[in-house]
Amino acid sequence: MTRLLAGTIYDRPPVCDRCAKPEAECSCPPIRPPARGVTPPAKQTARLSIEKRKKGKIVSVIRGLPTSENDLAELLSRLKSACGAGGTLDGDAMEIQGDHREKLAQLLAELGYKTK
């Protein structure tokens, strides 16, 4: 990788922010990103409901699971495939096409979530 000012009088080798040595001589351990706070499923409550959309379409909606503490995209994928239906992630709400409240409650309970 070439640096922007390489070959000019302003050319300086990059230095480590922690030890101030050139990066080639730095022996600092790599910085790990902070661990994401993950709340166990047993301490979370999913709220199930249905909503009616345009042209009479029914959608099962799951709310109450914080996006910062869950991988909602992966969870939605598992739920959609178990229900055999499409769906989407809309902010902090997961939407699955059709009325699947009973099946979703059972699946979420198997994964350890409480449901209302």
PDB file of N, CA and C in Angstrom:
ATOM      1  N   MET A   1       0.843  -1.174   0.000  1.00  0.00           N
ATOM      2  CA  MET A   1       0.000   0.000   0.000  1.00  0.00           C
ATOM      3  C   MET A   1       0.886   1.234   0.000  1.00  0.00           C
ATOM      4  N   THR A   2       0.621   2.152  -0.901  1.00  0.00           N
ATOM      5  CA  THR A   2       1.403   3.384  -0.942  1.00  0.00           C
ATOM      6  C   THR A   2       0.700   4.458  -0.137  1.00  0.00           C
ATOM      7  N   ARG A   3       1.519   5.263   0.493  1.00  0.00           N
ATOM      8  CA  ARG A   3       0.969   6.340   1.299  1.00  0.00           C
ATOM      9  C   ARG A   3       0.779   7.581   0.437  1.00  0.00           C
ATOM     10  N   LEU A   4      -0.093   8.463   0.878  1.00  0.00           N
ATOM     11  CA  LEU A   4      -0.456   9.636   0.100  1.00  0.00           C
ATOM     12  C   LEU A   4       0.738  10.549  -0.165  1.00  0.00           C
ATOM     13  N   LEU A   5       1.572  10.777   0.827  1.00  0.00           N
ATOM     14  CA  LEU A   5       2.688  11.719   0.688  1.00  0.00           C
ATOM     15  C   LEU A   5       4.032  11.012   0.500  1.00  0.00           C
ATOM     16  N   ALA A   6       4.005   9.756   0.054  1.00  0.00           N
ATOM     17  CA  ALA A   6       5.245   8.988  -0.124  1.00  0.00           C
ATOM     18  C   ALA A   6       6.162   9.694  -1.111  1.00  0.00           C
ATOM     19  N   GLY A   7       7.435   9.844  -0.728  1.00  0.00           N
ATOM     20  CA  GLY A   7       8.430  10.461  -1.589  1.00  0.00           C
ATOM     21  C   GLY A   7       8.522  11.971  -1.463  1.00  0.00           C
ATOM     22  N   THR A   8       7.718  12.595  -0.607  1.00  0.00           N
ATOM     23  CA  THR A   8       7.784  14.044  -0.429  1.00  0.00           C
ATOM     24  C   THR A   8       8.466  14.357   0.895  1.00  0.00           C
ATOM     25  N   ILE A   9       8.662  15.633   1.174  1.00  0.00           N
ATOM     26  CA  ILE A   9       9.304  16.012   2.430  1.00  0.00           C
ATOM     27  C   ILE A   9       8.372  15.776   3.618  1.00  0.00           C
ATOM     28  N   TYR A  10       7.099  15.587   3.366  1.00  0.00           N
ATOM     29  CA  TYR A  10       6.131  15.344   4.435  1.00  0.00           C
ATOM     30  C   TYR A  10       5.928  13.858   4.720  1.00  0.00           C
ATOM     31  N   ASP A  11       6.695  13.024   4.025  1.00  0.00           N
ATOM     32  CA  ASP A  11       6.546  11.573   4.183  1.00  0.00           C
ATOM     33  C   ASP A  11       7.063  11.139   5.552  1.00  0.00           C
ATOM     34  N   ARG A  12       6.181  10.551   6.348  1.00  0.00           N
ATOM     35  CA  ARG A  12       6.545  10.019   7.655  1.00  0.00           C
ATOM     36  C   ARG A  12       5.983   8.613   7.751  1.00  0.00           C
ATOM     37  N   PRO A  13       6.761   7.688   8.318  1.00  0.00           N
ATOM     38  CA  PRO A  13       6.221   6.326   8.454  1.00  0.00           C
ATOM     39  C   PRO A  13       5.102   6.313   9.489  1.00  0.00           C
ATOM     40  N   PRO A  14       4.097   5.480   9.290  1.00  0.00           N
ATOM     41  CA  PRO A  14       3.010   5.417  10.266  1.00  0.00           C
ATOM     42  C   PRO A  14       3.515   4.872  11.602  1.00  0.00           C
ATOM     43  N   VAL A  15       3.019   5.451  12.698  1.00  0.00           N
ATOM     44  CA  VAL A  15       3.447   5.047  14.036  1.00  0.00           C
ATOM     45  C   VAL A  15       2.263   4.495  14.822  1.00  0.00           C
ATOM     46  N   CYS A  16       2.567   3.663  15.810  1.00  0.00           N
ATOM     47  CA  CYS A  16       1.564   3.082  16.691  1.00  0.00           C
ATOM     48  C   CYS A  16       1.044   4.166  17.636  1.00  0.00           C
ATOM     49  N   ASP A  17      -0.257   4.177  17.872  1.00  0.00           N
ATOM     50  CA  ASP A  17      -0.847   5.181  18.763  1.00  0.00           C
ATOM     51  C   ASP A  17      -0.521   4.920  20.228  1.00  0.00           C
ATOM     52  N   ARG A  18      -0.240   3.647  20.563  1.00  0.00           N
ATOM     53  CA  ARG A  18      -0.016   3.306  21.967  1.00  0.00           C
ATOM     54  C   ARG A  18       1.446   3.423  22.384  1.00  0.00           C
ATOM     55  N   CYS A  19       2.381   2.946  21.549  1.00  0.00           N
ATOM     56  CA  CYS A  19       3.785   2.971  21.969  1.00  0.00           C
ATOM     57  C   CYS A  19       4.622   4.003  21.220  1.00  0.00           C
ATOM     58  N   ALA A  20       4.090   4.658  20.221  1.00  0.00           N
ATOM     59  CA  ALA A  20       4.741   5.702  19.426  1.00  0.00           C
ATOM     60  C   ALA A  20       5.938   5.194  18.625  1.00  0.00           C
ATOM     61  N   LYS A  21       6.065   3.886  18.460  1.00  0.00           N
ATOM     62  CA  LYS A  21       7.109   3.318  17.607  1.00  0.00           C
ATOM     63  C   LYS A  21       6.564   3.191  16.192  1.00  0.00           C
ATOM     64  N   PRO A  22       7.451   3.137  15.191  1.00  0.00           N
ATOM     65  CA  PRO A  22       6.962   2.876  13.832  1.00  0.00           C
ATOM     66  C   PRO A  22       6.203   1.539  13.799  1.00  0.00           C
ATOM     67  N   GLU A  23       5.187   1.450  12.958  1.00  0.00           N
ATOM     68  CA  GLU A  23       4.347   0.255  12.921  1.00  0.00           C
ATOM     69  C   GLU A  23       5.143  -1.015  12.632  1.00  0.00           C
ATOM     70  N   ALA A  24       6.220  -0.905  11.890  1.00  0.00           N
ATOM     71  CA  ALA A  24       7.039  -2.079  11.577  1.00  0.00           C
ATOM     72  C   ALA A  24       7.741  -2.613  12.826  1.00  0.00           C
ATOM     73  N   GLU A  25       8.029  -1.753  13.810  1.00  0.00           N
ATOM     74  CA  GLU A  25       8.729  -2.159  15.028  1.00  0.00           C
ATOM     75  C   GLU A  25       7.786  -2.353  16.220  1.00  0.00           C
ATOM     76  N   CYS A  26       6.522  -2.048  16.076  1.00  0.00           N
ATOM     77  CA  CYS A  26       5.560  -2.117  17.171  1.00  0.00           C
ATOM     78  C   CYS A  26       5.329  -3.565  17.593  1.00  0.00           C
ATOM     79  N   SER A  27       5.300  -3.786  18.905  1.00  0.00           N
ATOM     80  CA  SER A  27       5.032  -5.126  19.431  1.00  0.00           C
ATOM     81  C   SER A  27       3.798  -5.143  20.320  1.00  0.00           C
ATOM     82  N   CYS A  28       2.949  -4.131  20.202  1.00  0.00           N
ATOM     83  CA  CYS A  28       1.724  -4.064  20.998  1.00  0.00           C
ATOM     84  C   CYS A  28       0.752  -5.150  20.532  1.00  0.00           C
ATOM     85  N   PRO A  29       0.008  -5.764  21.466  1.00  0.00           N
ATOM     86  CA  PRO A  29      -0.993  -6.752  21.052  1.00  0.00           C
ATOM     87  C   PRO A  29      -2.137  -6.057  20.318  1.00  0.00           C
ATOM     88  N   PRO A  30      -2.789  -6.761  19.405  1.00  0.00           N
ATOM     89  CA  PRO A  30      -3.899  -6.126  18.670  1.00  0.00           C
ATOM     90  C   PRO A  30      -5.055  -5.777  19.609  1.00  0.00           C
ATOM     91  N   ILE A  31      -5.756  -4.726  19.272  1.00  0.00           N
ATOM     92  CA  ILE A  31      -6.887  -4.274  20.075  1.00  0.00           C
ATOM     93  C   ILE A  31      -8.113  -5.088  19.684  1.00  0.00           C
ATOM     94  N   ARG A  32      -8.757  -5.686  20.678  1.00  0.00           N
ATOM     95  CA  ARG A  32      -9.980  -6.443  20.407  1.00  0.00           C
ATOM     96  C   ARG A  32     -11.177  -5.528  20.542  1.00  0.00           C
ATOM     97  N   PRO A  33     -12.171  -5.689  19.663  1.00  0.00           N
ATOM     98  CA  PRO A  33     -13.362  -4.854  19.817  1.00  0.00           C
ATOM     99  C   PRO A  33     -14.100  -5.228  21.092  1.00  0.00           C
ATOM    100  N   PRO A  34     -14.808  -4.283  21.692  1.00  0.00           N
ATOM    101  CA  PRO A  34     -15.535  -4.593  22.930  1.00  0.00           C
ATOM    102  C   PRO A  34     -16.586  -5.668  22.672  1.00  0.00           C
ATOM    103  N   ALA A  35     -16.752  -6.546  23.640  1.00  0.00           N
ATOM    104  CA  ALA A  35     -17.728  -7.629  23.505  1.00  0.00           C
ATOM    105  C   ALA A  35     -19.135  -7.054  23.510  1.00  0.00           C
ATOM    106  N   ARG A  36     -19.953  -7.574  22.614  1.00  0.00           N
ATOM    107  CA  ARG A  36     -21.333  -7.130  22.528  1.00  0.00           C
ATOM    108  C   ARG A  36     -22.109  -7.688  23.703  1.00  0.00           C
ATOM    109  N   GLY A  37     -22.879  -6.852  24.348  1.00  0.00           N
ATOM    110  CA  GLY A  37     -23.692  -7.308  25.455  1.00  0.00           C
ATOM    111  C   GLY A  37     -24.814  -8.205  24.957  1.00  0.00           C
ATOM    112  N   VAL A  38     -24.745  -9.464  25.273  1.00  0.00           N
ATOM    113  CA  VAL A  38     -25.760 -10.399  24.821  1.00  0.00           C
ATOM    114  C   VAL A  38     -26.555 -10.867  26.030  1.00  0.00           C
ATOM    115  N   THR A  39     -27.839 -10.612  26.001  1.00  0.00           N
ATOM    116  CA  THR A  39     -28.724 -11.060  27.061  1.00  0.00           C
ATOM    117  C   THR A  39     -29.214 -12.452  26.705  1.00  0.00           C
ATOM    118  N   PRO A  40     -29.179 -13.393  27.637  1.00  0.00           N
ATOM    119  CA  PRO A  40     -29.660 -14.738  27.322  1.00  0.00           C
ATOM    120  C   PRO A  40     -31.141 -14.714  26.945  1.00  0.00           C
ATOM    121  N   PRO A  41     -31.561 -15.613  26.049  1.00  0.00           N
ATOM    122  CA  PRO A  41     -32.963 -15.634  25.622  1.00  0.00           C
ATOM    123  C   PRO A  41     -33.951 -15.794  26.770  1.00  0.00           C
ATOM    124  N   ALA A  42     -33.572 -16.482  27.844  1.00  0.00           N
ATOM    125  CA  ALA A  42     -34.499 -16.710  28.957  1.00  0.00           C
ATOM    126  C   ALA A  42     -34.890 -15.407  29.653  1.00  0.00           C
ATOM    127  N   LYS A  43     -34.091 -14.357  29.499  1.00  0.00           N
ATOM    128  CA  LYS A  43     -34.378 -13.081  30.146  1.00  0.00           C
ATOM    129  C   LYS A  43     -35.047 -12.084  29.197  1.00  0.00           C
ATOM    130  N   GLN A  44     -35.456 -12.553  28.009  1.00  0.00           N
ATOM    131  CA  GLN A  44     -36.091 -11.674  27.034  1.00  0.00           C
ATOM    132  C   GLN A  44     -37.507 -12.158  26.751  1.00  0.00           C
ATOM    133  N   THR A  45     -38.406 -11.223  26.501  1.00  0.00           N
ATOM    134  CA  THR A  45     -39.787 -11.564  26.203  1.00  0.00           C
ATOM    135  C   THR A  45     -40.145 -11.045  24.815  1.00  0.00           C
ATOM    136  N   ALA A  46     -40.574 -11.955  23.957  1.00  0.00           N
ATOM    137  CA  ALA A  46     -41.016 -11.597  22.609  1.00  0.00           C
ATOM    138  C   ALA A  46     -42.521 -11.403  22.636  1.00  0.00           C
ATOM    139  N   ARG A  47     -42.996 -10.334  22.032  1.00  0.00           N
ATOM    140  CA  ARG A  47     -44.432 -10.052  21.970  1.00  0.00           C
ATOM    141  C   ARG A  47     -44.933 -10.388  20.568  1.00  0.00           C
ATOM    142  N   LEU A  48     -45.850 -11.333  20.497  1.00  0.00           N
ATOM    143  CA  LEU A  48     -46.401 -11.787  19.226  1.00  0.00           C
ATOM    144  C   LEU A  48     -47.742 -11.121  18.964  1.00  0.00           C
ATOM    145  N   SER A  49     -47.951 -10.698  17.739  1.00  0.00           N
ATOM    146  CA  SER A  49     -49.239 -10.130  17.350  1.00  0.00           C
ATOM    147  C   SER A  49     -49.419 -10.342  15.852  1.00  0.00           C
ATOM    148  N   ILE A  50     -50.621 -10.071  15.378  1.00  0.00           N
ATOM    149  CA  ILE A  50     -50.850 -10.085  13.943  1.00  0.00           C
ATOM    150  C   ILE A  50     -51.357  -8.718  13.528  1.00  0.00           C
ATOM    151  N   GLU A  51     -51.053  -8.356  12.301  1.00  0.00           N
ATOM    152  CA  GLU A  51     -51.510  -7.089  11.741  1.00  0.00           C
ATOM    153  C   GLU A  51     -52.092  -7.364  10.370  1.00  0.00           C
ATOM    154  N   LYS A  52     -53.068  -6.560   9.997  1.00  0.00           N
ATOM    155  CA  LYS A  52     -53.675  -6.689   8.691  1.00  0.00           C
ATOM    156  C   LYS A  52     -53.084  -5.616   7.791  1.00  0.00           C
ATOM    157  N   ARG A  53     -52.649  -6.003   6.617  1.00  0.00           N
ATOM    158  CA  ARG A  53     -52.022  -5.080   5.668  1.00  0.00           C
ATOM    159  C   ARG A  53     -52.957  -4.803   4.500  1.00  0.00           C
ATOM    160  N   LYS A  54     -52.434  -4.124   3.512  1.00  0.00           N
ATOM    161  CA  LYS A  54     -53.210  -3.801   2.322  1.00  0.00           C
ATOM    162  C   LYS A  54     -53.781  -5.067   1.697  1.00  0.00           C
ATOM    163  N   LYS A  55     -54.931  -4.936   1.131  1.00  0.00           N
ATOM    164  CA  LYS A  55     -55.609  -6.017   0.417  1.00  0.00           C
ATOM    165  C   LYS A  55     -55.873  -7.233   1.300  1.00  0.00           C
ATOM    166  N   GLY A  56     -56.000  -7.009   2.612  1.00  0.00           N
ATOM    167  CA  GLY A  56     -56.369  -8.078   3.519  1.00  0.00           C
ATOM    168  C   GLY A  56     -55.271  -9.048   3.887  1.00  0.00           C
ATOM    169  N   LYS A  57     -54.024  -8.734   3.602  1.00  0.00           N
ATOM    170  CA  LYS A  57     -52.908  -9.628   3.934  1.00  0.00           C
ATOM    171  C   LYS A  57     -52.665  -9.623   5.442  1.00  0.00           C
ATOM    172  N   ILE A  58     -52.414 -10.797   6.015  1.00  0.00           N
ATOM    173  CA  ILE A  58     -52.153 -10.951   7.444  1.00  0.00           C
ATOM    174  C   ILE A  58     -50.648 -11.142   7.643  1.00  0.00           C
ATOM    175  N   VAL A  59     -50.083 -10.469   8.653  1.00  0.00           N
ATOM    176  CA  VAL A  59     -48.655 -10.553   8.957  1.00  0.00           C
ATOM    177  C   VAL A  59     -48.488 -10.825  10.449  1.00  0.00           C
ATOM    178  N   SER A  60     -47.688 -11.821  10.803  1.00  0.00           N
ATOM    179  CA  SER A  60     -47.331 -12.071  12.199  1.00  0.00           C
ATOM    180  C   SER A  60     -46.149 -11.175  12.550  1.00  0.00           C
ATOM    181  N   VAL A  61     -46.253 -10.465  13.654  1.00  0.00           N
ATOM    182  CA  VAL A  61     -45.218  -9.502  14.043  1.00  0.00           C
ATOM    183  C   VAL A  61     -44.648  -9.909  15.397  1.00  0.00           C
ATOM    184  N   ILE A  62     -43.313  -9.906  15.486  1.00  0.00           N
ATOM    185  CA  ILE A  62     -42.611 -10.213  16.734  1.00  0.00           C
ATOM    186  C   ILE A  62     -41.862  -8.959  17.146  1.00  0.00           C
ATOM    187  N   ARG A  63     -42.190  -8.447  18.332  1.00  0.00           N
ATOM    188  CA  ARG A  63     -41.541  -7.239  18.862  1.00  0.00           C
ATOM    189  C   ARG A  63     -40.995  -7.544  20.253  1.00  0.00           C
ATOM    190  N   GLY A  64     -40.186  -6.629  20.775  1.00  0.00           N
ATOM    191  CA  GLY A  64     -39.716  -6.734  22.146  1.00  0.00           C
ATOM    192  C   GLY A  64     -38.329  -7.321  22.295  1.00  0.00           C
ATOM    193  N   LEU A  65     -37.695  -7.720  21.200  1.00  0.00           N
ATOM    194  CA  LEU A  65     -36.329  -8.242  21.280  1.00  0.00           C
ATOM    195  C   LEU A  65     -35.376  -7.137  20.830  1.00  0.00           C
ATOM    196  N   PRO A  66     -34.482  -6.681  21.699  1.00  0.00           N
ATOM    197  CA  PRO A  66     -33.584  -5.580  21.338  1.00  0.00           C
ATOM    198  C   PRO A  66     -32.602  -5.982  20.241  1.00  0.00           C
ATOM    199  N   THR A  67     -32.428  -5.088  19.273  1.00  0.00           N
ATOM    200  CA  THR A  67     -31.542  -5.376  18.142  1.00  0.00           C
ATOM    201  C   THR A  67     -30.075  -5.422  18.560  1.00  0.00           C
ATOM    202  N   SER A  68     -29.708  -4.671  19.588  1.00  0.00           N
ATOM    203  CA  SER A  68     -28.303  -4.634  19.994  1.00  0.00           C
ATOM    204  C   SER A  68     -27.880  -5.910  20.715  1.00  0.00           C
ATOM    205  N   GLU A  69     -28.829  -6.677  21.240  1.00  0.00           N
ATOM    206  CA  GLU A  69     -28.488  -7.863  22.023  1.00  0.00           C
ATOM    207  C   GLU A  69     -28.825  -9.168  21.318  1.00  0.00           C
ATOM    208  N   ASN A  70     -29.325  -9.104  20.094  1.00  0.00           N
ATOM    209  CA  ASN A  70     -29.715 -10.303  19.358  1.00  0.00           C
ATOM    210  C   ASN A  70     -29.275 -10.192  17.913  1.00  0.00           C
ATOM    211  N   ASP A  71     -29.114 -11.325  17.275  1.00  0.00           N
ATOM    212  CA  ASP A  71     -28.899 -11.369  15.837  1.00  0.00           C
ATOM    213  C   ASP A  71     -30.271 -11.626  15.219  1.00  0.00           C
ATOM    214  N   LEU A  72     -31.046 -10.541  15.051  1.00  0.00           N
ATOM    215  CA  LEU A  72     -32.419 -10.688  14.593  1.00  0.00           C
ATOM    216  C   LEU A  72     -32.502 -11.226  13.178  1.00  0.00           C
ATOM    217  N   ALA A  73     -31.532 -10.899  12.329  1.00  0.00           N
ATOM    218  CA  ALA A  73     -31.567 -11.399  10.958  1.00  0.00           C
ATOM    219  C   ALA A  73     -31.450 -12.919  10.935  1.00  0.00           C
ATOM    220  N   GLU A  74     -30.566 -13.467  11.748  1.00  0.00           N
ATOM    221  CA  GLU A  74     -30.394 -14.922  11.794  1.00  0.00           C
ATOM    222  C   GLU A  74     -31.626 -15.583  12.417  1.00  0.00           C
ATOM    223  N   LEU A  75     -32.167 -14.981  13.464  1.00  0.00           N
ATOM    224  CA  LEU A  75     -33.365 -15.515  14.107  1.00  0.00           C
ATOM    225  C   LEU A  75     -34.554 -15.478  13.155  1.00  0.00           C
ATOM    226  N   LEU A  76     -34.719 -14.389  12.425  1.00  0.00           N
ATOM    227  CA  LEU A  76     -35.807 -14.279  11.462  1.00  0.00           C
ATOM    228  C   LEU A  76     -35.671 -15.333  10.374  1.00  0.00           C
ATOM    229  N   SER A  77     -34.467 -15.567   9.920  1.00  0.00           N
ATOM    230  CA  SER A  77     -34.238 -16.591   8.897  1.00  0.00           C
ATOM    231  C   SER A  77     -34.681 -17.960   9.396  1.00  0.00           C
ATOM    232  N   ARG A  78     -34.341 -18.299  10.639  1.00  0.00           N
ATOM    233  CA  ARG A  78     -34.751 -19.591  11.198  1.00  0.00           C
ATOM    234  C   ARG A  78     -36.269 -19.689  11.312  1.00  0.00           C
ATOM    235  N   LEU A  79     -36.899 -18.612  11.766  1.00  0.00           N
ATOM    236  CA  LEU A  79     -38.349 -18.626  11.936  1.00  0.00           C
ATOM    237  C   LEU A  79     -39.076 -18.714  10.595  1.00  0.00           C
ATOM    238  N   LYS A  80     -38.587 -17.984   9.594  1.00  0.00           N
ATOM    239  CA  LYS A  80     -39.215 -18.023   8.276  1.00  0.00           C
ATOM    240  C   LYS A  80     -39.135 -19.419   7.667  1.00  0.00           C
ATOM    241  N   SER A  81     -37.982 -20.048   7.779  1.00  0.00           N
ATOM    242  CA  SER A  81     -37.843 -21.378   7.192  1.00  0.00           C
ATOM    243  C   SER A  81     -38.690 -22.405   7.944  1.00  0.00           C
ATOM    244  N   ALA A  82     -38.846 -22.249   9.252  1.00  0.00           N
ATOM    245  CA  ALA A  82     -39.676 -23.168  10.023  1.00  0.00           C
ATOM    246  C   ALA A  82     -41.156 -22.994   9.680  1.00  0.00           C
ATOM    247  N   CYS A  83     -41.568 -21.759   9.377  1.00  0.00           N
ATOM    248  CA  CYS A  83     -42.968 -21.498   9.045  1.00  0.00           C
ATOM    249  C   CYS A  83     -43.249 -21.697   7.555  1.00  0.00           C
ATOM    250  N   GLY A  84     -42.212 -21.751   6.744  1.00  0.00           N
ATOM    251  CA  GLY A  84     -42.407 -21.884   5.308  1.00  0.00           C
ATOM    252  C   GLY A  84     -43.030 -20.642   4.705  1.00  0.00           C
ATOM    253  N   ALA A  85     -42.620 -19.478   5.189  1.00  0.00           N
ATOM    254  CA  ALA A  85     -43.203 -18.219   4.732  1.00  0.00           C
ATOM    255  C   ALA A  85     -42.104 -17.177   4.567  1.00  0.00           C
ATOM    256  N   GLY A  86     -42.438 -16.109   3.879  1.00  0.00           N
ATOM    257  CA  GLY A  86     -41.521 -14.991   3.717  1.00  0.00           C
ATOM    258  C   GLY A  86     -41.644 -14.045   4.887  1.00  0.00           C
ATOM    259  N   GLY A  87     -40.763 -13.079   4.915  1.00  0.00           N
ATOM    260  CA  GLY A  87     -40.825 -12.107   5.991  1.00  0.00           C
ATOM    261  C   GLY A  87     -39.744 -11.066   5.840  1.00  0.00           C
ATOM    262  N   THR A  88     -39.745 -10.108   6.758  1.00  0.00           N
ATOM    263  CA  THR A  88     -38.770  -9.036   6.706  1.00  0.00           C
ATOM    264  C   THR A  88     -38.471  -8.527   8.113  1.00  0.00           C
ATOM    265  N   LEU A  89     -37.370  -7.822   8.211  1.00  0.00           N
ATOM    266  CA  LEU A  89     -36.968  -7.185   9.457  1.00  0.00           C
ATOM    267  C   LEU A  89     -37.256  -5.701   9.301  1.00  0.00           C
ATOM    268  N   ASP A  90     -38.160  -5.170  10.108  1.00  0.00           N
ATOM    269  CA  ASP A  90     -38.567  -3.776  10.006  1.00  0.00           C
ATOM    270  C   ASP A  90     -38.188  -3.065  11.294  1.00  0.00           C
ATOM    271  N   GLY A  91     -36.983  -2.514  11.336  1.00  0.00           N
ATOM    272  CA  GLY A  91     -36.493  -1.863  12.552  1.00  0.00           C
ATOM    273  C   GLY A  91     -36.249  -2.903  13.629  1.00  0.00           C
ATOM    274  N   ASP A  92     -36.995  -2.824  14.728  1.00  0.00           N
ATOM    275  CA  ASP A  92     -36.845  -3.808  15.797  1.00  0.00           C
ATOM    276  C   ASP A  92     -37.958  -4.846  15.761  1.00  0.00           C
ATOM    277  N   ALA A  93     -38.766  -4.846  14.700  1.00  0.00           N
ATOM    278  CA  ALA A  93     -39.862  -5.804  14.565  1.00  0.00           C
ATOM    279  C   ALA A  93     -39.554  -6.793  13.442  1.00  0.00           C
ATOM    280  N   MET A  94     -39.849  -8.064  13.709  1.00  0.00           N
ATOM    281  CA  MET A  94     -39.718  -9.098  12.685  1.00  0.00           C
ATOM    282  C   MET A  94     -41.116  -9.403  12.169  1.00  0.00           C
ATOM    283  N   GLU A  95     -41.293  -9.399  10.860  1.00  0.00           N
ATOM    284  CA  GLU A  95     -42.596  -9.649  10.255  1.00  0.00           C
ATOM    285  C   GLU A  95     -42.527 -10.923   9.427  1.00  0.00           C
ATOM    286  N   ILE A  96     -43.494 -11.818   9.628  1.00  0.00           N
ATOM    287  CA  ILE A  96     -43.573 -13.060   8.871  1.00  0.00           C
ATOM    288  C   ILE A  96     -44.955 -13.124   8.248  1.00  0.00           C
ATOM    289  N   GLN A  97     -45.006 -13.411   6.953  1.00  0.00           N
ATOM    290  CA  GLN A  97     -46.272 -13.414   6.226  1.00  0.00           C
ATOM    291  C   GLN A  97     -47.167 -14.540   6.718  1.00  0.00           C
ATOM    292  N   GLY A  98     -48.415 -14.193   7.007  1.00  0.00           N
ATOM    293  CA  GLY A  98     -49.399 -15.176   7.443  1.00  0.00           C
ATOM    294  C   GLY A  98     -49.575 -15.165   8.954  1.00  0.00           C
ATOM    295  N   ASP A  99     -50.594 -15.901   9.422  1.00  0.00           N
ATOM    296  CA  ASP A  99     -50.879 -15.996  10.847  1.00  0.00           C
ATOM    297  C   ASP A  99     -50.193 -17.247  11.400  1.00  0.00           C
ATOM    298  N   HIS A 100     -49.017 -17.075  11.997  1.00  0.00           N
ATOM    299  CA  HIS A 100     -48.216 -18.184  12.521  1.00  0.00           C
ATOM    300  C   HIS A 100     -47.953 -18.015  14.010  1.00  0.00           C
ATOM    301  N   ARG A 101     -48.871 -17.386  14.739  1.00  0.00           N
ATOM    302  CA  ARG A 101     -48.613 -17.083  16.147  1.00  0.00           C
ATOM    303  C   ARG A 101     -48.320 -18.326  16.981  1.00  0.00           C
ATOM    304  N   GLU A 102     -49.115 -19.373  16.817  1.00  0.00           N
ATOM    305  CA  GLU A 102     -48.927 -20.579  17.633  1.00  0.00           C
ATOM    306  C   GLU A 102     -47.573 -21.234  17.337  1.00  0.00           C
ATOM    307  N   LYS A 103     -47.263 -21.363  16.045  1.00  0.00           N
ATOM    308  CA  LYS A 103     -46.000 -21.994  15.662  1.00  0.00           C
ATOM    309  C   LYS A 103     -44.811 -21.155  16.123  1.00  0.00           C
ATOM    310  N   LEU A 104     -44.913 -19.826  15.981  1.00  0.00           N
ATOM    311  CA  LEU A 104     -43.829 -18.938  16.412  1.00  0.00           C
ATOM    312  C   LEU A 104     -43.633 -19.000  17.920  1.00  0.00           C
ATOM    313  N   ALA A 105     -44.733 -19.045  18.670  1.00  0.00           N
ATOM    314  CA  ALA A 105     -44.629 -19.147  20.124  1.00  0.00           C
ATOM    315  C   ALA A 105     -43.907 -20.438  20.513  1.00  0.00           C
ATOM    316  N   GLN A 106     -44.240 -21.526  19.832  1.00  0.00           N
ATOM    317  CA  GLN A 106     -43.595 -22.816  20.111  1.00  0.00           C
ATOM    318  C   GLN A 106     -42.112 -22.770  19.753  1.00  0.00           C
ATOM    319  N   LEU A 107     -41.784 -22.222  18.596  1.00  0.00           N
ATOM    320  CA  LEU A 107     -40.381 -22.148  18.158  1.00  0.00           C
ATOM    321  C   LEU A 107     -39.552 -21.257  19.080  1.00  0.00           C
ATOM    322  N   LEU A 108     -40.111 -20.105  19.458  1.00  0.00           N
ATOM    323  CA  LEU A 108     -39.380 -19.202  20.355  1.00  0.00           C
ATOM    324  C   LEU A 108     -39.188 -19.820  21.729  1.00  0.00           C
ATOM    325  N   ALA A 109     -40.179 -20.574  22.197  1.00  0.00           N
ATOM    326  CA  ALA A 109     -40.051 -21.261  23.491  1.00  0.00           C
ATOM    327  C   ALA A 109     -38.957 -22.315  23.424  1.00  0.00           C
ATOM    328  N   GLU A 110     -38.841 -23.010  22.292  1.00  0.00           N
ATOM    329  CA  GLU A 110     -37.779 -24.016  22.135  1.00  0.00           C
ATOM    330  C   GLU A 110     -36.402 -23.357  22.158  1.00  0.00           C
ATOM    331  N   LEU A 111     -36.322 -22.115  21.658  1.00  0.00           N
ATOM    332  CA  LEU A 111     -35.051 -21.392  21.648  1.00  0.00           C
ATOM    333  C   LEU A 111     -34.766 -20.726  22.994  1.00  0.00           C
ATOM    334  N   GLY A 112     -35.751 -20.750  23.900  1.00  0.00           N
ATOM    335  CA  GLY A 112     -35.532 -20.221  25.246  1.00  0.00           C
ATOM    336  C   GLY A 112     -36.158 -18.868  25.508  1.00  0.00           C
ATOM    337  N   TYR A 113     -36.849 -18.281  24.537  1.00  0.00           N
ATOM    338  CA  TYR A 113     -37.477 -16.974  24.712  1.00  0.00           C
ATOM    339  C   TYR A 113     -38.830 -17.136  25.408  1.00  0.00           C
ATOM    340  N   LYS A 114     -39.199 -16.148  26.220  1.00  0.00           N
ATOM    341  CA  LYS A 114     -40.556 -16.080  26.773  1.00  0.00           C
ATOM    342  C   LYS A 114     -41.415 -15.360  25.742  1.00  0.00           C
ATOM    343  N   THR A 115     -42.693 -15.707  25.679  1.00  0.00           N
ATOM    344  CA  THR A 115     -43.578 -15.045  24.715  1.00  0.00           C
ATOM    345  C   THR A 115     -44.834 -14.552  25.407  1.00  0.00           C
ATOM    346  N   LYS A 116     -45.392 -13.502  24.844  1.00  0.00           N
ATOM    347  CA  LYS A 116     -46.663 -12.940  25.309  1.00  0.00           C
ATOM    348  C   LYS A 116     -47.558 -12.802  24.111  1.00  0.00           C
TER     349      LYS A 116
END
